[in-house]
Amino acid sequence: MSNDPTVKYEPADPDGLVVAALTGELDIDRADEVRDDLAAASAAPGCRFLRIDVSRLDFIDSYGLGALVSARNSAAAHGVTMTLAEPSPPVRKAIAVTGLGDVFGL
Protein backbone atom coordinates (compact mmCIF):
# COMPACT_ATOMS: atom_id res chain seq x y z
CA MET A 1 0.00 0.00 0.00
CA SER A 2 1.54 3.30 -1.05
CA ASN A 3 0.38 5.26 2.00
CA ASP A 4 2.01 2.94 4.54
CA PRO A 5 4.65 4.77 6.52
CA THR A 6 8.07 3.48 5.78
CA VAL A 7 10.90 3.90 8.24
CA LYS A 8 14.33 4.22 6.67
CA TYR A 9 17.44 4.57 8.78
CA GLU A 10 20.89 6.01 8.31
CA PRO A 11 23.54 4.20 10.34
CA ALA A 12 24.70 5.77 13.58
CA ASP A 13 27.39 8.38 13.13
CA PRO A 14 30.43 8.53 15.46
CA ASP A 15 28.44 10.66 17.93
CA GLY A 16 25.65 8.07 18.16
CA LEU A 17 23.15 9.97 16.00
CA VAL A 18 20.70 7.76 14.13
CA VAL A 19 18.42 9.44 11.60
CA ALA A 20 15.14 7.79 10.70
CA ALA A 21 12.79 9.05 8.00
CA LEU A 22 9.05 8.42 7.98
CA THR A 23 7.03 8.68 4.78
CA GLY A 24 3.38 8.16 3.95
CA GLU A 25 0.63 8.10 6.54
CA LEU A 26 1.02 7.37 10.23
CA ASP A 27 -2.39 6.34 11.52
CA ILE A 28 -4.11 3.63 13.51
CA ASP A 29 -3.19 0.98 10.93
CA ARG A 30 0.58 1.49 11.30
CA ALA A 31 1.07 3.27 14.62
CA ASP A 32 2.01 0.17 16.64
CA GLU A 33 4.45 -1.09 14.02
CA VAL A 34 6.20 2.29 13.76
CA ARG A 35 6.29 2.69 17.57
CA ASP A 36 7.91 -0.71 17.99
CA ASP A 37 10.37 -0.11 15.16
CA LEU A 38 11.51 3.25 16.56
CA ALA A 39 11.75 1.81 20.09
CA ALA A 40 13.96 -1.00 18.80
CA ALA A 41 16.17 1.50 16.97
CA SER A 42 16.67 3.50 20.16
CA ALA A 43 17.70 0.32 22.00
CA ALA A 44 20.32 -0.58 19.39
CA PRO A 45 23.97 -0.42 20.43
CA GLY A 46 25.59 2.90 19.57
CA CYS A 47 22.38 4.93 19.42
CA ARG A 48 22.52 8.00 21.66
CA PHE A 49 20.35 10.37 19.64
CA LEU A 50 17.41 9.43 17.41
CA ARG A 51 16.24 12.10 14.99
CA ILE A 52 13.02 11.35 13.14
CA ASP A 53 12.64 13.19 9.83
CA VAL A 54 8.89 13.67 9.36
CA SER A 55 9.10 16.02 6.37
CA ARG A 56 7.56 13.42 4.06
CA LEU A 57 4.79 12.28 6.39
CA ASP A 58 1.55 13.15 4.59
CA PHE A 59 -0.86 12.41 7.42
CA ILE A 60 -0.78 11.71 11.14
CA ASP A 61 -3.67 10.98 13.49
CA SER A 62 -3.87 10.75 17.26
CA TYR A 63 -2.71 7.12 17.19
CA GLY A 64 0.34 8.16 15.18
CA LEU A 65 1.12 10.93 17.65
CA GLY A 66 0.68 8.47 20.50
CA ALA A 67 3.11 6.09 18.79
CA LEU A 68 5.70 8.84 18.54
CA VAL A 69 5.24 9.80 22.19
CA SER A 70 5.58 6.17 23.22
CA ALA A 71 8.70 5.73 21.06
CA ARG A 72 10.14 8.88 22.64
CA ASN A 73 9.47 7.47 26.12
CA SER A 74 11.12 4.17 25.19
CA ALA A 75 14.12 6.05 23.83
CA ALA A 76 14.39 8.09 27.04
CA ALA A 77 14.31 4.88 29.07
CA HIS A 78 17.41 3.77 27.11
CA GLY A 79 19.12 7.12 27.66
CA VAL A 80 18.49 8.17 24.05
CA THR A 81 17.24 11.61 23.08
CA MET A 82 14.57 11.43 20.36
CA THR A 83 13.56 14.50 18.39
CA LEU A 84 11.43 15.20 15.34
CA ALA A 85 12.92 17.14 12.44
CA GLU A 86 11.43 19.08 9.56
CA PRO A 87 7.75 18.40 10.32
CA SER A 88 5.47 18.48 7.31
CA PRO A 89 2.44 20.82 7.52
CA PRO A 90 0.08 18.05 8.74
CA VAL A 91 2.56 16.98 11.42
CA ARG A 92 3.27 20.55 12.48
CA LYS A 93 -0.47 21.22 12.81
CA ALA A 94 -1.09 18.07 14.87
CA ILE A 95 1.79 18.91 17.18
CA ALA A 96 0.63 22.51 17.58
CA VAL A 97 -2.94 21.44 18.39
CA THR A 98 -1.77 18.95 21.01
CA GLY A 99 0.97 21.11 22.49
CA LEU A 100 3.63 18.42 22.02
CA GLY A 101 6.28 20.68 20.50
CA ASP A 102 8.49 20.68 23.59
CA VAL A 103 8.22 16.90 23.93
CA PHE A 104 9.67 16.46 20.44
CA GLY A 105 12.29 19.19 20.56
CA LEU A 106 10.42 21.59 18.26
PDB file of N, CA and C in Angstrom:
ATOM      1  N   MET A   1       0.851  -1.173   0.000  1.00  0.00           N
ATOM      2  CA  MET A   1       0.000   0.000   0.000  1.00  0.00           C
ATOM      3  C   MET A   1       0.895   1.235   0.000  1.00  0.00           C
ATOM      4  N   SER A   2       0.642   2.159  -0.877  1.00  0.00           N
ATOM      5  CA  SER A   2       1.540   3.297  -1.052  1.00  0.00           C
ATOM      6  C   SER A   2       1.504   4.297   0.098  1.00  0.00           C
ATOM      7  N   ASN A   3       0.470   4.304   0.904  1.00  0.00           N
ATOM      8  CA  ASN A   3       0.384   5.263   2.002  1.00  0.00           C
ATOM      9  C   ASN A   3       0.914   4.715   3.322  1.00  0.00           C
ATOM     10  N   ASP A   4       1.428   3.494   3.318  1.00  0.00           N
ATOM     11  CA  ASP A   4       2.006   2.944   4.542  1.00  0.00           C
ATOM     12  C   ASP A   4       3.268   3.722   4.887  1.00  0.00           C
ATOM     13  N   PRO A   5       3.414   4.081   6.167  1.00  0.00           N
ATOM     14  CA  PRO A   5       4.647   4.771   6.522  1.00  0.00           C
ATOM     15  C   PRO A   5       5.817   3.803   6.456  1.00  0.00           C
ATOM     16  N   THR A   6       6.854   4.256   5.873  1.00  0.00           N
ATOM     17  CA  THR A   6       8.069   3.477   5.785  1.00  0.00           C
ATOM     18  C   THR A   6       9.107   4.146   6.657  1.00  0.00           C
ATOM     19  N   VAL A   7       9.831   3.361   7.416  1.00  0.00           N
ATOM     20  CA  VAL A   7      10.903   3.895   8.242  1.00  0.00           C
ATOM     21  C   VAL A   7      12.215   3.483   7.600  1.00  0.00           C
ATOM     22  N   LYS A   8      13.008   4.478   7.231  1.00  0.00           N
ATOM     23  CA  LYS A   8      14.328   4.222   6.673  1.00  0.00           C
ATOM     24  C   LYS A   8      15.349   4.847   7.599  1.00  0.00           C
ATOM     25  N   TYR A   9      16.425   4.126   7.844  1.00  0.00           N
ATOM     26  CA  TYR A   9      17.445   4.569   8.785  1.00  0.00           C
ATOM     27  C   TYR A   9      18.770   4.838   8.097  1.00  0.00           C
ATOM     28  N   GLU A  10      19.479   5.822   8.639  1.00  0.00           N
ATOM     29  CA  GLU A  10      20.888   6.014   8.315  1.00  0.00           C
ATOM     30  C   GLU A  10      21.656   5.423   9.486  1.00  0.00           C
ATOM     31  N   PRO A  11      22.773   4.787   9.238  1.00  0.00           N
ATOM     32  CA  PRO A  11      23.541   4.200  10.344  1.00  0.00           C
ATOM     33  C   PRO A  11      23.993   5.272  11.340  1.00  0.00           C
ATOM     34  N   ALA A  12      24.241   4.848  12.546  1.00  0.00           N
ATOM     35  CA  ALA A  12      24.699   5.774  13.582  1.00  0.00           C
ATOM     36  C   ALA A  12      26.022   6.404  13.164  1.00  0.00           C
ATOM     37  N   ASP A  13      26.126   7.708  13.400  1.00  0.00           N
ATOM     38  CA  ASP A  13      27.389   8.376  13.134  1.00  0.00           C
ATOM     39  C   ASP A  13      28.292   8.219  14.362  1.00  0.00           C
ATOM     40  N   PRO A  14      29.514   8.725  14.318  1.00  0.00           N
ATOM     41  CA  PRO A  14      30.428   8.529  15.457  1.00  0.00           C
ATOM     42  C   PRO A  14      29.911   9.104  16.782  1.00  0.00           C
ATOM     43  N   ASP A  15      29.003  10.079  16.712  1.00  0.00           N
ATOM     44  CA  ASP A  15      28.439  10.662  17.930  1.00  0.00           C
ATOM     45  C   ASP A  15      27.213   9.912  18.433  1.00  0.00           C
ATOM     46  N   GLY A  16      26.812   8.852  17.739  1.00  0.00           N
ATOM     47  CA  GLY A  16      25.655   8.075  18.157  1.00  0.00           C
ATOM     48  C   GLY A  16      24.335   8.586  17.619  1.00  0.00           C
ATOM     49  N   LEU A  17      24.385   9.451  16.603  1.00  0.00           N
ATOM     50  CA  LEU A  17      23.155   9.969  15.999  1.00  0.00           C
ATOM     51  C   LEU A  17      22.641   8.993  14.954  1.00  0.00           C
ATOM     52  N   VAL A  18      21.391   8.574  15.123  1.00  0.00           N
ATOM     53  CA  VAL A  18      20.702   7.758  14.134  1.00  0.00           C
ATOM     54  C   VAL A  18      19.580   8.616  13.575  1.00  0.00           C
ATOM     55  N   VAL A  19      19.490   8.678  12.248  1.00  0.00           N
ATOM     56  CA  VAL A  19      18.425   9.436  11.599  1.00  0.00           C
ATOM     57  C   VAL A  19      17.464   8.443  10.959  1.00  0.00           C
ATOM     58  N   ALA A  20      16.190   8.607  11.288  1.00  0.00           N
ATOM     59  CA  ALA A  20      15.135   7.788  10.697  1.00  0.00           C
ATOM     60  C   ALA A  20      14.214   8.714   9.923  1.00  0.00           C
ATOM     61  N   ALA A  21      13.713   8.265   8.802  1.00  0.00           N
ATOM     62  CA  ALA A  21      12.789   9.053   7.997  1.00  0.00           C
ATOM     63  C   ALA A  21      11.480   8.299   7.852  1.00  0.00           C
ATOM     64  N   LEU A  22      10.392   8.992   8.150  1.00  0.00           N
ATOM     65  CA  LEU A  22       9.052   8.423   7.980  1.00  0.00           C
ATOM     66  C   LEU A  22       8.416   9.026   6.733  1.00  0.00           C
ATOM     67  N   THR A  23       7.762   8.195   5.955  1.00  0.00           N
ATOM     68  CA  THR A  23       7.035   8.677   4.782  1.00  0.00           C
ATOM     69  C   THR A  23       5.654   8.052   4.778  1.00  0.00           C
ATOM     70  N   GLY A  24       4.732   8.689   4.089  1.00  0.00           N
ATOM     71  CA  GLY A  24       3.381   8.157   3.946  1.00  0.00           C
ATOM     72  C   GLY A  24       2.448   8.659   5.020  1.00  0.00           C
ATOM     73  N   GLU A  25       1.628   7.766   5.534  1.00  0.00           N
ATOM     74  CA  GLU A  25       0.626   8.104   6.543  1.00  0.00           C
ATOM     75  C   GLU A  25       0.900   7.317   7.819  1.00  0.00           C
ATOM     76  N   LEU A  26       0.840   8.016   8.931  1.00  0.00           N
ATOM     77  CA  LEU A  26       1.017   7.371  10.232  1.00  0.00           C
ATOM     78  C   LEU A  26      -0.310   7.466  10.964  1.00  0.00           C
ATOM     79  N   ASP A  27      -1.056   6.364  10.919  1.00  0.00           N
ATOM     80  CA  ASP A  27      -2.386   6.338  11.519  1.00  0.00           C
ATOM     81  C   ASP A  27      -2.575   5.036  12.291  1.00  0.00           C
ATOM     82  N   ILE A  28      -3.793   4.781  12.670  1.00  0.00           N
ATOM     83  CA  ILE A  28      -4.110   3.629  13.510  1.00  0.00           C
ATOM     84  C   ILE A  28      -3.619   2.311  12.910  1.00  0.00           C
ATOM     85  N   ASP A  29      -3.601   2.222  11.583  1.00  0.00           N
ATOM     86  CA  ASP A  29      -3.194   0.979  10.932  1.00  0.00           C
ATOM     87  C   ASP A  29      -1.704   0.670  11.072  1.00  0.00           C
ATOM     88  N   ARG A  30      -0.873   1.689  11.270  1.00  0.00           N
ATOM     89  CA  ARG A  30       0.577   1.488  11.303  1.00  0.00           C
ATOM     90  C   ARG A  30       1.242   2.013  12.569  1.00  0.00           C
ATOM     91  N   ALA A  31       0.483   2.625  13.448  1.00  0.00           N
ATOM     92  CA  ALA A  31       1.072   3.267  14.621  1.00  0.00           C
ATOM     93  C   ALA A  31       1.868   2.286  15.481  1.00  0.00           C
ATOM     94  N   ASP A  32       1.312   1.130  15.770  1.00  0.00           N
ATOM     95  CA  ASP A  32       2.006   0.170  16.637  1.00  0.00           C
ATOM     96  C   ASP A  32       3.304  -0.317  16.011  1.00  0.00           C
ATOM     97  N   GLU A  33       3.269  -0.598  14.735  1.00  0.00           N
ATOM     98  CA  GLU A  33       4.452  -1.085  14.022  1.00  0.00           C
ATOM     99  C   GLU A  33       5.569  -0.030  14.039  1.00  0.00           C
ATOM    100  N   VAL A  34       5.206   1.216  13.763  1.00  0.00           N
ATOM    101  CA  VAL A  34       6.202   2.293  13.758  1.00  0.00           C
ATOM    102  C   VAL A  34       6.738   2.520  15.169  1.00  0.00           C
ATOM    103  N   ARG A  35       5.859   2.527  16.164  1.00  0.00           N
ATOM    104  CA  ARG A  35       6.285   2.690  17.566  1.00  0.00           C
ATOM    105  C   ARG A  35       7.319   1.642  17.933  1.00  0.00           C
ATOM    106  N   ASP A  36       7.014   0.382  17.637  1.00  0.00           N
ATOM    107  CA  ASP A  36       7.914  -0.708  17.992  1.00  0.00           C
ATOM    108  C   ASP A  36       9.240  -0.620  17.238  1.00  0.00           C
ATOM    109  N   ASP A  37       9.172  -0.231  15.972  1.00  0.00           N
ATOM    110  CA  ASP A  37      10.372  -0.112  15.157  1.00  0.00           C
ATOM    111  C   ASP A  37      11.288   0.987  15.692  1.00  0.00           C
ATOM    112  N   LEU A  38      10.713   2.141  16.028  1.00  0.00           N
ATOM    113  CA  LEU A  38      11.508   3.245  16.563  1.00  0.00           C
ATOM    114  C   LEU A  38      12.066   2.906  17.950  1.00  0.00           C
ATOM    115  N   ALA A  39      11.274   2.218  18.759  1.00  0.00           N
ATOM    116  CA  ALA A  39      11.747   1.812  20.085  1.00  0.00           C
ATOM    117  C   ALA A  39      12.929   0.853  19.960  1.00  0.00           C
ATOM    118  N   ALA A  40      12.853  -0.062  19.017  1.00  0.00           N
ATOM    119  CA  ALA A  40      13.959  -1.002  18.801  1.00  0.00           C
ATOM    120  C   ALA A  40      15.205  -0.261  18.315  1.00  0.00           C
ATOM    121  N   ALA A  41      15.023   0.735  17.469  1.00  0.00           N
ATOM    122  CA  ALA A  41      16.171   1.504  16.974  1.00  0.00           C
ATOM    123  C   ALA A  41      16.860   2.234  18.113  1.00  0.00           C
ATOM    124  N   SER A  42      16.077   2.765  19.041  1.00  0.00           N
ATOM    125  CA  SER A  42      16.674   3.499  20.161  1.00  0.00           C
ATOM    126  C   SER A  42      17.399   2.566  21.130  1.00  0.00           C
ATOM    127  N   ALA A  43      17.050   1.300  21.121  1.00  0.00           N
ATOM    128  CA  ALA A  43      17.701   0.324  22.002  1.00  0.00           C
ATOM    129  C   ALA A  43      18.944  -0.292  21.371  1.00  0.00           C
ATOM    130  N   ALA A  44      19.180   0.014  20.093  1.00  0.00           N
ATOM    131  CA  ALA A  44      20.320  -0.578  19.385  1.00  0.00           C
ATOM    132  C   ALA A  44      21.640  -0.028  19.933  1.00  0.00           C
ATOM    133  N   PRO A  45      22.659  -0.878  19.963  1.00  0.00           N
ATOM    134  CA  PRO A  45      23.972  -0.417  20.431  1.00  0.00           C
ATOM    135  C   PRO A  45      24.463   0.773  19.593  1.00  0.00           C
ATOM    136  N   GLY A  46      25.031   1.745  20.261  1.00  0.00           N
ATOM    137  CA  GLY A  46      25.595   2.898  19.565  1.00  0.00           C
ATOM    138  C   GLY A  46      24.649   4.053  19.370  1.00  0.00           C
ATOM    139  N   CYS A  47      23.359   3.850  19.600  1.00  0.00           N
ATOM    140  CA  CYS A  47      22.382   4.929  19.418  1.00  0.00           C
ATOM    141  C   CYS A  47      22.319   5.774  20.685  1.00  0.00           C
ATOM    142  N   ARG A  48      22.632   7.061  20.541  1.00  0.00           N
ATOM    143  CA  ARG A  48      22.523   8.001  21.656  1.00  0.00           C
ATOM    144  C   ARG A  48      21.496   9.084  21.370  1.00  0.00           C
ATOM    145  N   PHE A  49      21.303   9.366  20.080  1.00  0.00           N
ATOM    146  CA  PHE A  49      20.346  10.368  19.635  1.00  0.00           C
ATOM    147  C   PHE A  49      19.577   9.788  18.467  1.00  0.00           C
ATOM    148  N   LEU A  50      18.263   9.936  18.488  1.00  0.00           N
ATOM    149  CA  LEU A  50      17.415   9.434  17.410  1.00  0.00           C
ATOM    150  C   LEU A  50      16.626  10.613  16.856  1.00  0.00           C
ATOM    151  N   ARG A  51      16.937  10.994  15.639  1.00  0.00           N
ATOM    152  CA  ARG A  51      16.240  12.098  14.986  1.00  0.00           C
ATOM    153  C   ARG A  51      15.301  11.520  13.937  1.00  0.00           C
ATOM    154  N   ILE A  52      14.028  11.860  14.055  1.00  0.00           N
ATOM    155  CA  ILE A  52      13.017  11.348  13.141  1.00  0.00           C
ATOM    156  C   ILE A  52      12.664  12.447  12.154  1.00  0.00           C
ATOM    157  N   ASP A  53      12.993  12.246  10.892  1.00  0.00           N
ATOM    158  CA  ASP A  53      12.636  13.186   9.827  1.00  0.00           C
ATOM    159  C   ASP A  53      11.194  12.891   9.426  1.00  0.00           C
ATOM    160  N   VAL A  54      10.308  13.840   9.688  1.00  0.00           N
ATOM    161  CA  VAL A  54       8.886  13.667   9.364  1.00  0.00           C
ATOM    162  C   VAL A  54       8.448  14.621   8.255  1.00  0.00           C
ATOM    163  N   SER A  55       9.411  15.071   7.449  1.00  0.00           N
ATOM    164  CA  SER A  55       9.103  16.023   6.374  1.00  0.00           C
ATOM    165  C   SER A  55       8.269  15.405   5.265  1.00  0.00           C
ATOM    166  N   ARG A  56       8.307  14.083   5.136  1.00  0.00           N
ATOM    167  CA  ARG A  56       7.561  13.417   4.063  1.00  0.00           C
ATOM    168  C   ARG A  56       6.380  12.603   4.600  1.00  0.00           C
ATOM    169  N   LEU A  57       5.972  12.929   5.811  1.00  0.00           N
ATOM    170  CA  LEU A  57       4.795  12.284   6.394  1.00  0.00           C
ATOM    171  C   LEU A  57       3.576  13.092   5.960  1.00  0.00           C
ATOM    172  N   ASP A  58       2.702  12.463   5.188  1.00  0.00           N
ATOM    173  CA  ASP A  58       1.550  13.152   4.591  1.00  0.00           C
ATOM    174  C   ASP A  58       0.368  13.294   5.532  1.00  0.00           C
ATOM    175  N   PHE A  59       0.296  12.419   6.524  1.00  0.00           N
ATOM    176  CA  PHE A  59      -0.860  12.409   7.419  1.00  0.00           C
ATOM    177  C   PHE A  59      -0.438  11.784   8.735  1.00  0.00           C
ATOM    178  N   ILE A  60      -0.990  12.314   9.821  1.00  0.00           N
ATOM    179  CA  ILE A  60      -0.785  11.708  11.135  1.00  0.00           C
ATOM    180  C   ILE A  60      -2.055  11.904  11.943  1.00  0.00           C
ATOM    181  N   ASP A  61      -2.497  10.865  12.627  1.00  0.00           N
ATOM    182  CA  ASP A  61      -3.675  10.985  13.490  1.00  0.00           C
ATOM    183  C   ASP A  61      -3.237  10.849  14.945  1.00  0.00           C
ATOM    184  N   SER A  62      -4.205  10.809  15.838  1.00  0.00           N
ATOM    185  CA  SER A  62      -3.871  10.753  17.263  1.00  0.00           C
ATOM    186  C   SER A  62      -3.133   9.462  17.622  1.00  0.00           C
ATOM    187  N   TYR A  63      -3.426   8.375  16.932  1.00  0.00           N
ATOM    188  CA  TYR A  63      -2.715   7.121  17.189  1.00  0.00           C
ATOM    189  C   TYR A  63      -1.252   7.252  16.764  1.00  0.00           C
ATOM    190  N   GLY A  64      -1.022   7.925  15.638  1.00  0.00           N
ATOM    191  CA  GLY A  64       0.343   8.159  15.179  1.00  0.00           C
ATOM    192  C   GLY A  64       1.118   9.027  16.153  1.00  0.00           C
ATOM    193  N   LEU A  65       0.471  10.080  16.646  1.00  0.00           N
ATOM    194  CA  LEU A  65       1.124  10.928  17.647  1.00  0.00           C
ATOM    195  C   LEU A  65       1.420  10.132  18.910  1.00  0.00           C
ATOM    196  N   GLY A  66       0.474   9.307  19.320  1.00  0.00           N
ATOM    197  CA  GLY A  66       0.679   8.472  20.497  1.00  0.00           C
ATOM    198  C   GLY A  66       1.847   7.518  20.304  1.00  0.00           C
ATOM    199  N   ALA A  67       1.993   6.987  19.091  1.00  0.00           N
ATOM    200  CA  ALA A  67       3.107   6.086  18.789  1.00  0.00           C
ATOM    201  C   ALA A  67       4.434   6.820  18.916  1.00  0.00           C
ATOM    202  N   LEU A  68       4.467   8.064  18.436  1.00  0.00           N
ATOM    203  CA  LEU A  68       5.703   8.841  18.536  1.00  0.00           C
ATOM    204  C   LEU A  68       6.028   9.191  19.985  1.00  0.00           C
ATOM    205  N   VAL A  69       5.016   9.521  20.767  1.00  0.00           N
ATOM    206  CA  VAL A  69       5.242   9.803  22.191  1.00  0.00           C
ATOM    207  C   VAL A  69       5.753   8.552  22.894  1.00  0.00           C
ATOM    208  N   SER A  70       5.149   7.418  22.609  1.00  0.00           N
ATOM    209  CA  SER A  70       5.580   6.166  23.224  1.00  0.00           C
ATOM    210  C   SER A  70       7.005   5.810  22.813  1.00  0.00           C
ATOM    211  N   ALA A  71       7.338   5.999  21.536  1.00  0.00           N
ATOM    212  CA  ALA A  71       8.696   5.731  21.062  1.00  0.00           C
ATOM    213  C   ALA A  71       9.687   6.665  21.745  1.00  0.00           C
ATOM    214  N   ARG A  72       9.289   7.908  21.948  1.00  0.00           N
ATOM    215  CA  ARG A  72      10.138   8.880  22.641  1.00  0.00           C
ATOM    216  C   ARG A  72      10.375   8.439  24.078  1.00  0.00           C
ATOM    217  N   ASN A  73       9.331   7.951  24.745  1.00  0.00           N
ATOM    218  CA  ASN A  73       9.472   7.475  26.120  1.00  0.00           C
ATOM    219  C   ASN A  73      10.372   6.242  26.195  1.00  0.00           C
ATOM    220  N   SER A  74      10.243   5.349  25.238  1.00  0.00           N
ATOM    221  CA  SER A  74      11.122   4.167  25.191  1.00  0.00           C
ATOM    222  C   SER A  74      12.566   4.595  24.972  1.00  0.00           C
ATOM    223  N   ALA A  75      12.767   5.552  24.086  1.00  0.00           N
ATOM    224  CA  ALA A  75      14.118   6.054  23.833  1.00  0.00           C
ATOM    225  C   ALA A  75      14.705   6.648  25.112  1.00  0.00           C
ATOM    226  N   ALA A  76      13.916   7.458  25.798  1.00  0.00           N
ATOM    227  CA  ALA A  76      14.386   8.089  27.038  1.00  0.00           C
ATOM    228  C   ALA A  76      14.761   7.036  28.074  1.00  0.00           C
ATOM    229  N   ALA A  77      14.008   5.953  28.125  1.00  0.00           N
ATOM    230  CA  ALA A  77      14.312   4.883  29.070  1.00  0.00           C
ATOM    231  C   ALA A  77      15.659   4.229  28.766  1.00  0.00           C
ATOM    232  N   HIS A  78      16.102   4.308  27.508  1.00  0.00           N
ATOM    233  CA  HIS A  78      17.407   3.772  27.111  1.00  0.00           C
ATOM    234  C   HIS A  78      18.489   4.847  27.128  1.00  0.00           C
ATOM    235  N   GLY A  79      18.151   6.034  27.617  1.00  0.00           N
ATOM    236  CA  GLY A  79      19.120   7.119  27.658  1.00  0.00           C
ATOM    237  C   GLY A  79      19.334   7.793  26.315  1.00  0.00           C
ATOM    238  N   VAL A  80      18.391   7.617  25.403  1.00  0.00           N
ATOM    239  CA  VAL A  80      18.486   8.167  24.048  1.00  0.00           C
ATOM    240  C   VAL A  80      17.550   9.369  23.932  1.00  0.00           C
ATOM    241  N   THR A  81      18.055  10.431  23.330  1.00  0.00           N
ATOM    242  CA  THR A  81      17.244  11.613  23.078  1.00  0.00           C
ATOM    243  C   THR A  81      16.613  11.484  21.695  1.00  0.00           C
ATOM    244  N   MET A  82      15.285  11.519  21.630  1.00  0.00           N
ATOM    245  CA  MET A  82      14.570  11.430  20.358  1.00  0.00           C
ATOM    246  C   MET A  82      13.934  12.772  20.048  1.00  0.00           C
ATOM    247  N   THR A  83      14.161  13.254  18.835  1.00  0.00           N
ATOM    248  CA  THR A  83      13.557  14.501  18.385  1.00  0.00           C
ATOM    249  C   THR A  83      12.935  14.297  17.010  1.00  0.00           C
ATOM    250  N   LEU A  84      11.999  15.173  16.683  1.00  0.00           N
ATOM    251  CA  LEU A  84      11.429  15.204  15.340  1.00  0.00           C
ATOM    252  C   LEU A  84      12.099  16.331  14.572  1.00  0.00           C
ATOM    253  N   ALA A  85      12.281  16.125  13.276  1.00  0.00           N
ATOM    254  CA  ALA A  85      12.922  17.135  12.442  1.00  0.00           C
ATOM    255  C   ALA A  85      12.073  17.407  11.209  1.00  0.00           C
ATOM    256  N   GLU A  86      12.077  18.656  10.810  1.00  0.00           N
ATOM    257  CA  GLU A  86      11.430  19.080   9.564  1.00  0.00           C
ATOM    258  C   GLU A  86       9.983  18.598   9.437  1.00  0.00           C
ATOM    259  N   PRO A  87       9.124  18.896  10.406  1.00  0.00           N
ATOM    260  CA  PRO A  87       7.749  18.400  10.320  1.00  0.00           C
ATOM    261  C   PRO A  87       7.004  18.962   9.116  1.00  0.00           C
ATOM    262  N   SER A  88       6.315  18.072   8.433  1.00  0.00           N
ATOM    263  CA  SER A  88       5.468  18.482   7.308  1.00  0.00           C
ATOM    264  C   SER A  88       4.295  19.299   7.865  1.00  0.00           C
ATOM    265  N   PRO A  89       3.581  20.031   7.017  1.00  0.00           N
ATOM    266  CA  PRO A  89       2.443  20.822   7.522  1.00  0.00           C
ATOM    267  C   PRO A  89       1.427  20.012   8.336  1.00  0.00           C
ATOM    268  N   PRO A  90       1.034  18.802   7.914  1.00  0.00           N
ATOM    269  CA  PRO A  90       0.077  18.054   8.744  1.00  0.00           C
ATOM    270  C   PRO A  90       0.650  17.678  10.116  1.00  0.00           C
ATOM    271  N   VAL A  91       1.931  17.340  10.152  1.00  0.00           N
ATOM    272  CA  VAL A  91       2.560  16.978  11.419  1.00  0.00           C
ATOM    273  C   VAL A  91       2.694  18.211  12.306  1.00  0.00           C
ATOM    274  N   ARG A  92       3.118  19.313  11.713  1.00  0.00           N
ATOM    275  CA  ARG A  92       3.265  20.551  12.483  1.00  0.00           C
ATOM    276  C   ARG A  92       1.922  20.970  13.088  1.00  0.00           C
ATOM    277  N   LYS A  93       0.855  20.852  12.314  1.00  0.00           N
ATOM    278  CA  LYS A  93      -0.471  21.222  12.809  1.00  0.00           C
ATOM    279  C   LYS A  93      -0.888  20.318  13.968  1.00  0.00           C
ATOM    280  N   ALA A  94      -0.709  19.018  13.813  1.00  0.00           N
ATOM    281  CA  ALA A  94      -1.093  18.066  14.870  1.00  0.00           C
ATOM    282  C   ALA A  94      -0.309  18.329  16.143  1.00  0.00           C
ATOM    283  N   ILE A  95       0.965  18.636  16.009  1.00  0.00           N
ATOM    284  CA  ILE A  95       1.795  18.906  17.182  1.00  0.00           C
ATOM    285  C   ILE A  95       1.377  20.211  17.841  1.00  0.00           C
ATOM    286  N   ALA A  96       1.061  21.220  17.029  1.00  0.00           N
ATOM    287  CA  ALA A  96       0.633  22.507  17.581  1.00  0.00           C
ATOM    288  C   ALA A  96      -0.689  22.368  18.331  1.00  0.00           C
ATOM    289  N   VAL A  97      -1.626  21.622  17.763  1.00  0.00           N
ATOM    290  CA  VAL A  97      -2.944  21.436  18.388  1.00  0.00           C
ATOM    291  C   VAL A  97      -2.825  20.706  19.718  1.00  0.00           C
ATOM    292  N   THR A  98      -1.914  19.755  19.795  1.00  0.00           N
ATOM    293  CA  THR A  98      -1.772  18.950  21.008  1.00  0.00           C
ATOM    294  C   THR A  98      -0.775  19.521  22.005  1.00  0.00           C
ATOM    295  N   GLY A  99      -0.001  20.518  21.594  1.00  0.00           N
ATOM    296  CA  GLY A  99       0.970  21.108  22.494  1.00  0.00           C
ATOM    297  C   GLY A  99       2.177  20.230  22.762  1.00  0.00           C
ATOM    298  N   LEU A 100       2.523  19.362  21.826  1.00  0.00           N
ATOM    299  CA  LEU A 100       3.632  18.423  22.017  1.00  0.00           C
ATOM    300  C   LEU A 100       4.967  18.917  21.470  1.00  0.00           C
ATOM    301  N   GLY A 101       5.047  20.166  21.090  1.00  0.00           N
ATOM    302  CA  GLY A 101       6.281  20.682  20.497  1.00  0.00           C
ATOM    303  C   GLY A 101       7.493  20.502  21.383  1.00  0.00           C
ATOM    304  N   ASP A 102       7.364  20.818  22.661  1.00  0.00           N
ATOM    305  CA  ASP A 102       8.493  20.683  23.586  1.00  0.00           C
ATOM    306  C   ASP A 102       8.903  19.221  23.776  1.00  0.00           C
ATOM    307  N   VAL A 103       7.940  18.329  23.750  1.00  0.00           N
ATOM    308  CA  VAL A 103       8.225  16.897  23.927  1.00  0.00           C
ATOM    309  C   VAL A 103       9.143  16.390  22.803  1.00  0.00           C
ATOM    310  N   PHE A 104       8.934  16.934  21.603  1.00  0.00           N
ATOM    311  CA  PHE A 104       9.674  16.465  20.442  1.00  0.00           C
ATOM    312  C   PHE A 104      10.825  17.369  20.031  1.00  0.00           C
ATOM    313  N   GLY A 105      11.158  18.339  20.864  1.00  0.00           N
ATOM    314  CA  GLY A 105      12.286  19.194  20.556  1.00  0.00           C
ATOM    315  C   GLY A 105      12.022  20.195  19.453  1.00  0.00           C
ATOM    316  N   LEU A 106      10.768  20.602  19.298  1.00  0.00           N
ATOM    317  CA  LEU A 106      10.423  21.595  18.260  1.00  0.00           C
ATOM    318  C   LEU A 106      10.111  22.931  18.885  1.00  0.00           C
TER     319      LEU A 106
END
